[in-house]
């Protein structure tokens, strides 16, 4: 993926993460998971496992979007370094 593609993906990811409805949905999900965590019995290993998996998926989903932004930042820094090298190589 080139830096322009990475920048476009980062813009889209930022739009999602900055969206009020998305933030509201993520907060509602977090609250729901927290309530379920408090209600599940310590002996309910299947329920505990399902909650852990749900929490992991939630964090992976958000992490995917944040990594898209970071990837664009890294690509931009690499492009700047390449430009600097080419200037000094002349």
N, C-alpha and C. Protein backbone atom coordinates (compact mmCIF):
# COMPACT_ATOMS: atom_id res chain seq x y z
N UNK A 1 0.85 -1.17 0.00
CA UNK A 1 0.00 0.00 0.00
C UNK A 1 0.89 1.24 0.00
N UNK A 2 0.62 2.16 -0.90
CA UNK A 2 1.44 3.36 -0.94
C UNK A 2 0.93 4.39 0.08
N UNK A 3 1.66 5.48 0.22
CA UNK A 3 1.33 6.46 1.26
C UNK A 3 -0.01 7.15 1.00
N UNK A 4 -0.38 7.33 -0.27
CA UNK A 4 -1.67 7.96 -0.57
C UNK A 4 -2.82 7.05 -0.15
N UNK A 5 -2.68 5.76 -0.41
CA UNK A 5 -3.71 4.81 0.00
C UNK A 5 -3.81 4.77 1.53
N UNK A 6 -2.66 4.76 2.18
CA UNK A 6 -2.63 4.73 3.64
C UNK A 6 -3.30 5.99 4.20
N UNK A 7 -3.05 7.13 3.57
CA UNK A 7 -3.66 8.38 4.02
C UNK A 7 -5.18 8.35 3.85
N UNK A 8 -5.65 7.81 2.74
CA UNK A 8 -7.10 7.71 2.52
C UNK A 8 -7.74 6.79 3.56
N UNK A 9 -7.08 5.65 3.83
CA UNK A 9 -7.59 4.72 4.85
C UNK A 9 -7.62 5.39 6.22
N UNK A 10 -6.58 6.16 6.52
CA UNK A 10 -6.50 6.85 7.81
C UNK A 10 -7.62 7.87 7.92
N UNK A 11 -7.90 8.61 6.85
CA UNK A 11 -8.98 9.58 6.87
C UNK A 11 -10.32 8.90 7.15
N UNK A 12 -10.55 7.77 6.49
CA UNK A 12 -11.79 7.03 6.71
C UNK A 12 -11.88 6.51 8.14
N UNK A 13 -10.76 6.01 8.65
CA UNK A 13 -10.73 5.49 10.02
C UNK A 13 -10.99 6.62 11.01
N UNK A 14 -10.39 7.80 10.78
CA UNK A 14 -10.62 8.95 11.65
C UNK A 14 -12.09 9.37 11.64
N UNK A 15 -12.69 9.34 10.44
CA UNK A 15 -14.09 9.72 10.33
C UNK A 15 -14.96 8.79 11.17
N UNK A 16 -14.64 7.51 11.15
CA UNK A 16 -15.40 6.54 11.94
C UNK A 16 -15.18 6.77 13.43
N UNK A 17 -13.92 6.87 13.83
CA UNK A 17 -13.61 7.03 15.25
C UNK A 17 -14.13 8.35 15.81
N UNK A 18 -14.18 9.39 14.97
CA UNK A 18 -14.66 10.70 15.42
C UNK A 18 -16.18 10.84 15.34
N UNK A 19 -16.84 9.87 14.75
CA UNK A 19 -18.28 9.92 14.57
C UNK A 19 -18.98 9.76 15.93
N UNK A 20 -19.89 10.69 16.24
CA UNK A 20 -20.58 10.67 17.53
C UNK A 20 -21.40 9.40 17.73
N UNK A 21 -22.07 8.96 16.69
CA UNK A 21 -22.90 7.76 16.81
C UNK A 21 -22.02 6.52 17.05
N UNK A 22 -20.88 6.47 16.37
CA UNK A 22 -19.95 5.35 16.59
C UNK A 22 -19.47 5.36 18.04
N UNK A 23 -19.09 6.54 18.54
CA UNK A 23 -18.62 6.64 19.92
C UNK A 23 -19.71 6.23 20.89
N UNK A 24 -20.94 6.64 20.61
CA UNK A 24 -22.07 6.27 21.45
C UNK A 24 -22.29 4.75 21.44
N UNK A 25 -22.17 4.16 20.27
CA UNK A 25 -22.34 2.71 20.15
C UNK A 25 -21.24 1.96 20.90
N UNK A 26 -20.01 2.44 20.79
CA UNK A 26 -18.91 1.78 21.49
C UNK A 26 -19.07 1.91 23.00
N UNK A 27 -19.51 3.08 23.47
CA UNK A 27 -19.76 3.26 24.90
C UNK A 27 -20.87 2.35 25.38
N UNK A 28 -21.93 2.24 24.58
CA UNK A 28 -23.04 1.35 24.95
C UNK A 28 -22.56 -0.10 25.02
N UNK A 29 -21.73 -0.49 24.07
CA UNK A 29 -21.17 -1.84 24.08
C UNK A 29 -20.32 -2.06 25.32
N UNK A 30 -19.47 -1.09 25.64
CA UNK A 30 -18.62 -1.20 26.83
C UNK A 30 -19.46 -1.34 28.10
N UNK A 31 -20.50 -0.52 28.20
CA UNK A 31 -21.38 -0.58 29.38
C UNK A 31 -22.10 -1.92 29.46
N UNK A 32 -22.55 -2.42 28.32
CA UNK A 32 -23.22 -3.72 28.30
C UNK A 32 -22.28 -4.83 28.73
N UNK A 33 -21.06 -4.80 28.22
CA UNK A 33 -20.08 -5.82 28.60
C UNK A 33 -19.75 -5.73 30.09
N UNK A 34 -19.66 -4.50 30.59
CA UNK A 34 -19.38 -4.31 32.02
C UNK A 34 -20.51 -4.87 32.88
N UNK A 35 -21.75 -4.58 32.48
CA UNK A 35 -22.91 -5.11 33.24
C UNK A 35 -22.92 -6.64 33.21
N UNK A 36 -22.66 -7.19 32.04
CA UNK A 36 -22.65 -8.65 31.93
C UNK A 36 -21.53 -9.25 32.77
N UNK A 37 -20.39 -8.57 32.79
CA UNK A 37 -19.25 -9.06 33.59
C UNK A 37 -19.63 -9.12 35.06
N UNK A 38 -20.38 -8.12 35.53
CA UNK A 38 -20.79 -8.09 36.93
C UNK A 38 -21.87 -9.13 37.24
N UNK A 39 -22.64 -9.52 36.23
CA UNK A 39 -23.73 -10.44 36.45
C UNK A 39 -23.34 -11.91 36.29
N UNK A 40 -22.30 -12.17 35.53
CA UNK A 40 -21.93 -13.57 35.28
C UNK A 40 -21.35 -14.18 36.57
N UNK A 41 -21.75 -15.38 36.84
CA UNK A 41 -21.29 -16.05 38.05
C UNK A 41 -19.84 -16.52 37.86
N UNK A 42 -19.07 -16.49 38.92
CA UNK A 42 -17.68 -16.95 38.84
C UNK A 42 -17.56 -18.40 38.38
N UNK A 43 -18.58 -19.19 38.65
CA UNK A 43 -18.54 -20.61 38.26
C UNK A 43 -18.96 -20.83 36.81
N UNK A 44 -19.49 -19.78 36.17
CA UNK A 44 -19.95 -19.88 34.77
C UNK A 44 -18.76 -19.64 33.83
N UNK A 45 -17.95 -20.67 33.65
CA UNK A 45 -16.75 -20.51 32.83
C UNK A 45 -17.09 -20.25 31.36
N UNK A 46 -18.16 -20.84 30.88
CA UNK A 46 -18.56 -20.60 29.48
C UNK A 46 -18.98 -19.13 29.30
N UNK A 47 -19.75 -18.62 30.23
CA UNK A 47 -20.16 -17.22 30.18
C UNK A 47 -18.97 -16.28 30.29
N UNK A 48 -18.05 -16.60 31.19
CA UNK A 48 -16.83 -15.80 31.35
C UNK A 48 -16.03 -15.79 30.05
N UNK A 49 -15.90 -16.95 29.45
CA UNK A 49 -15.13 -17.07 28.20
C UNK A 49 -15.77 -16.26 27.09
N UNK A 50 -17.10 -16.33 26.98
CA UNK A 50 -17.80 -15.57 25.94
C UNK A 50 -17.61 -14.07 26.14
N UNK A 51 -17.65 -13.61 27.38
CA UNK A 51 -17.43 -12.19 27.65
C UNK A 51 -16.02 -11.76 27.29
N UNK A 52 -15.06 -12.59 27.63
CA UNK A 52 -13.66 -12.28 27.30
C UNK A 52 -13.50 -12.18 25.79
N UNK A 53 -14.08 -13.12 25.06
CA UNK A 53 -14.00 -13.09 23.60
C UNK A 53 -14.68 -11.84 23.03
N UNK A 54 -15.83 -11.48 23.58
CA UNK A 54 -16.54 -10.28 23.11
C UNK A 54 -15.70 -9.03 23.36
N UNK A 55 -15.07 -8.95 24.52
CA UNK A 55 -14.22 -7.80 24.83
C UNK A 55 -13.00 -7.75 23.92
N UNK A 56 -12.42 -8.90 23.64
CA UNK A 56 -11.27 -8.95 22.75
C UNK A 56 -11.64 -8.51 21.33
N UNK A 57 -12.79 -8.98 20.86
CA UNK A 57 -13.24 -8.58 19.52
C UNK A 57 -13.51 -7.09 19.46
N UNK A 58 -14.13 -6.55 20.49
CA UNK A 58 -14.39 -5.11 20.53
C UNK A 58 -13.09 -4.32 20.43
N UNK A 59 -12.08 -4.73 21.19
CA UNK A 59 -10.80 -4.02 21.18
C UNK A 59 -10.04 -4.24 19.86
N UNK A 60 -10.17 -5.41 19.28
CA UNK A 60 -9.54 -5.65 17.97
C UNK A 60 -10.16 -4.77 16.90
N UNK A 61 -11.46 -4.60 16.96
CA UNK A 61 -12.17 -3.76 16.00
C UNK A 61 -11.67 -2.32 16.06
N UNK A 62 -11.63 -1.77 17.26
CA UNK A 62 -11.14 -0.40 17.42
C UNK A 62 -9.65 -0.32 17.08
N UNK A 63 -8.91 -1.33 17.47
CA UNK A 63 -7.47 -1.35 17.17
C UNK A 63 -7.19 -1.35 15.68
N UNK A 64 -8.03 -2.03 14.91
CA UNK A 64 -7.87 -2.05 13.46
C UNK A 64 -7.95 -0.64 12.90
N UNK A 65 -8.91 0.13 13.37
CA UNK A 65 -9.07 1.50 12.90
C UNK A 65 -7.89 2.38 13.34
N UNK A 66 -7.48 2.21 14.57
CA UNK A 66 -6.34 3.01 15.07
C UNK A 66 -5.04 2.66 14.35
N UNK A 67 -4.87 1.38 14.01
CA UNK A 67 -3.67 0.98 13.26
C UNK A 67 -3.66 1.58 11.86
N UNK A 68 -4.83 1.73 11.26
CA UNK A 68 -4.91 2.36 9.94
C UNK A 68 -4.38 3.79 10.01
N UNK A 69 -4.70 4.48 11.09
CA UNK A 69 -4.21 5.84 11.28
C UNK A 69 -2.71 5.83 11.52
N UNK A 70 -2.23 4.91 12.34
CA UNK A 70 -0.80 4.82 12.63
C UNK A 70 -0.01 4.43 11.38
N UNK A 71 -0.57 3.54 10.58
CA UNK A 71 0.12 3.14 9.35
C UNK A 71 0.33 4.33 8.43
N UNK A 72 -0.66 5.21 8.35
CA UNK A 72 -0.53 6.40 7.51
C UNK A 72 0.52 7.34 8.07
N UNK A 73 0.58 7.45 9.39
CA UNK A 73 1.58 8.30 10.02
C UNK A 73 2.98 7.77 9.74
N UNK A 74 3.14 6.45 9.83
CA UNK A 74 4.44 5.83 9.55
C UNK A 74 4.81 6.03 8.08
N UNK A 75 3.84 5.83 7.19
CA UNK A 75 4.09 6.01 5.75
C UNK A 75 4.50 7.45 5.45
N UNK A 76 3.86 8.40 6.12
CA UNK A 76 4.20 9.81 5.92
C UNK A 76 5.62 10.10 6.40
N UNK A 77 5.98 9.56 7.56
CA UNK A 77 7.34 9.76 8.08
C UNK A 77 8.38 9.13 7.15
N UNK A 78 8.07 7.96 6.62
CA UNK A 78 8.99 7.31 5.70
C UNK A 78 9.16 8.12 4.43
N UNK A 79 8.07 8.70 3.94
CA UNK A 79 8.13 9.53 2.74
C UNK A 79 8.98 10.76 2.99
N UNK A 80 8.83 11.37 4.14
CA UNK A 80 9.64 12.55 4.50
C UNK A 80 11.12 12.17 4.57
N UNK A 81 11.42 11.01 5.17
CA UNK A 81 12.81 10.56 5.26
C UNK A 81 13.39 10.31 3.87
N UNK A 82 12.60 9.71 3.00
CA UNK A 82 13.07 9.45 1.63
C UNK A 82 13.35 10.76 0.90
N UNK A 83 12.48 11.74 1.10
CA UNK A 83 12.67 13.04 0.46
C UNK A 83 13.93 13.71 0.98
N UNK A 84 14.16 13.61 2.27
CA UNK A 84 15.37 14.21 2.86
C UNK A 84 16.63 13.53 2.33
N UNK A 85 16.57 12.20 2.23
CA UNK A 85 17.73 11.45 1.71
C UNK A 85 18.02 11.85 0.27
N UNK A 86 16.98 12.02 -0.51
CA UNK A 86 17.20 12.36 -1.91
C UNK A 86 17.77 13.77 -2.05
N UNK A 87 17.39 14.67 -1.14
CA UNK A 87 17.94 16.02 -1.17
C UNK A 87 19.42 15.99 -0.82
N UNK A 88 19.79 15.21 0.20
CA UNK A 88 21.18 15.14 0.62
C UNK A 88 22.03 14.30 -0.32
N UNK A 89 21.43 13.45 -1.09
CA UNK A 89 22.17 12.60 -2.03
C UNK A 89 22.60 13.37 -3.27
N UNK A 90 22.03 14.51 -3.49
CA UNK A 90 22.36 15.30 -4.70
C UNK A 90 23.71 15.92 -4.65
